[in-house]
Amino acid sequence: MKIINLFGVLEKSCGCVSWLAHWEKCSGLRADFCAAKNCRNRDLVGAHVKRAINGEDIHYIIPLCKKQHAISPEIDIYEGTRLIVYETTELCEKTVKHKIQC
């Protein structure tokens, strides 16, 4: 599955320690390796990426190693990678006004 890496920091933030922690909370999984195919690096960040679905770009968080996140504009990721929609949720902090499920 191909995704587009969104370089730089996006405006939104959440109450999680990091976007990687946010991905782990919402996916219910532990980020052990980079989601990029054939990359087994463990120096991970919660990367902001996008994928076109029905002509609409949808933004997600996925675990990527710092190397892939820094240099790769388009990344082929493992098919089983959980794409977590780039939104804060009730899991992030108690003061979130709109409950959005991961």
Protein backbone atom coordinates (compact mmCIF):
# COMPACT_ATOMS: atom_id res chain seq x y z
CA MET A 1 0.00 0.00 0.00
CA LYS A 2 1.44 3.40 -0.98
CA ILE A 3 1.13 6.44 1.26
CA ILE A 4 2.42 10.01 0.98
CA ASN A 5 4.63 11.26 3.78
CA LEU A 6 3.63 14.69 5.11
CA PHE A 7 6.85 16.39 6.11
CA GLY A 8 7.00 18.81 9.00
CA VAL A 9 4.76 19.24 12.00
CA LEU A 10 1.05 19.69 11.47
CA GLU A 11 -1.03 22.14 13.49
CA LYS A 12 -3.08 19.79 15.62
CA SER A 13 -1.83 18.25 18.83
CA CYS A 14 -3.33 15.97 21.41
CA GLY A 15 -2.88 15.14 25.08
CA CYS A 16 -0.82 12.04 24.30
CA VAL A 17 2.91 12.06 25.03
CA SER A 18 3.62 11.85 21.28
CA TRP A 19 1.92 10.97 17.99
CA LEU A 20 3.51 7.52 18.28
CA ALA A 21 1.86 7.09 21.69
CA HIS A 22 -1.39 8.28 20.09
CA TRP A 23 -1.07 5.61 17.38
CA GLU A 24 -0.46 2.92 20.02
CA LYS A 25 -3.49 4.01 22.10
CA CYS A 26 -5.85 4.14 19.15
CA SER A 27 -4.61 0.99 17.42
CA GLY A 28 -4.33 -1.07 20.60
CA LEU A 29 -0.96 -2.24 19.26
CA ARG A 30 2.66 -1.68 20.22
CA ALA A 31 4.85 0.01 17.61
CA ASP A 32 7.82 -2.32 17.34
CA PHE A 33 9.07 -1.65 13.80
CA CYS A 34 8.83 0.85 10.99
CA ALA A 35 5.73 0.38 8.79
CA ALA A 36 7.79 0.87 5.59
CA LYS A 37 8.26 -2.39 3.69
CA ASN A 38 11.63 -4.03 4.22
CA CYS A 39 12.57 -1.62 7.02
CA ARG A 40 13.07 -3.06 10.49
CA ASN A 41 14.36 0.09 12.19
CA ARG A 42 13.11 0.75 15.69
CA ASP A 43 13.87 4.47 16.04
CA LEU A 44 10.19 5.36 15.54
CA VAL A 45 7.99 8.43 15.35
CA GLY A 46 4.28 8.83 14.80
CA ALA A 47 4.40 10.03 11.21
CA HIS A 48 1.72 12.12 9.53
CA VAL A 49 0.84 10.61 6.16
CA LYS A 50 -1.98 10.77 3.63
CA ARG A 51 -3.70 8.33 1.35
CA ALA A 52 -6.22 9.04 -1.39
CA ILE A 53 -9.50 7.19 -0.91
CA ASN A 54 -12.29 7.79 -3.43
CA GLY A 55 -10.50 10.91 -4.64
CA GLU A 56 -10.22 12.42 -1.16
CA ASP A 57 -6.92 12.74 0.73
CA ILE A 58 -7.29 11.38 4.24
CA HIS A 59 -4.58 12.07 6.83
CA TYR A 60 -3.33 9.34 9.16
CA ILE A 61 -0.73 8.59 11.79
CA ILE A 62 1.51 5.52 11.35
CA PRO A 63 4.77 4.37 12.94
CA LEU A 64 7.78 5.18 10.76
CA CYS A 65 11.47 5.23 11.58
CA LYS A 66 13.10 8.65 11.67
CA LYS A 67 15.12 7.84 8.53
CA GLN A 68 12.08 6.94 6.40
CA HIS A 69 10.10 9.86 7.76
CA ALA A 70 12.89 12.33 6.98
CA ILE A 71 13.71 11.31 3.39
CA SER A 72 10.86 9.39 1.77
CA PRO A 73 8.06 11.38 0.06
CA GLU A 74 6.16 8.24 -1.03
CA ILE A 75 6.39 5.08 1.03
CA ASP A 76 5.26 1.55 0.38
CA ILE A 77 4.01 0.23 3.72
CA TYR A 78 2.96 -3.21 4.89
CA GLU A 79 -0.67 -4.03 4.00
CA GLY A 80 -1.55 -4.84 7.62
CA THR A 81 -0.45 -1.44 8.96
CA ARG A 82 -3.18 0.21 11.04
CA LEU A 83 -3.87 3.67 9.67
CA ILE A 84 -5.08 5.85 12.52
CA VAL A 85 -7.10 8.86 11.39
CA TYR A 86 -5.35 12.10 12.28
CA GLU A 87 -7.78 13.35 14.93
CA THR A 88 -7.64 13.73 18.68
CA THR A 89 -9.99 11.46 20.60
CA GLU A 90 -11.42 10.94 24.05
CA LEU A 91 -8.40 8.72 24.67
CA CYS A 92 -6.09 11.73 24.31
CA GLU A 93 -7.39 13.91 27.08
CA LYS A 94 -10.50 14.37 29.15
CA THR A 95 -11.23 17.87 27.81
CA VAL A 96 -11.85 16.85 24.20
CA LYS A 97 -15.26 18.29 23.31
CA HIS A 98 -16.16 16.05 20.37
CA LYS A 99 -15.78 12.33 20.83
CA ILE A 100 -14.15 10.98 17.70
CA GLN A 101 -13.33 7.33 17.55
CA CYS A 102 -9.92 6.26 16.36
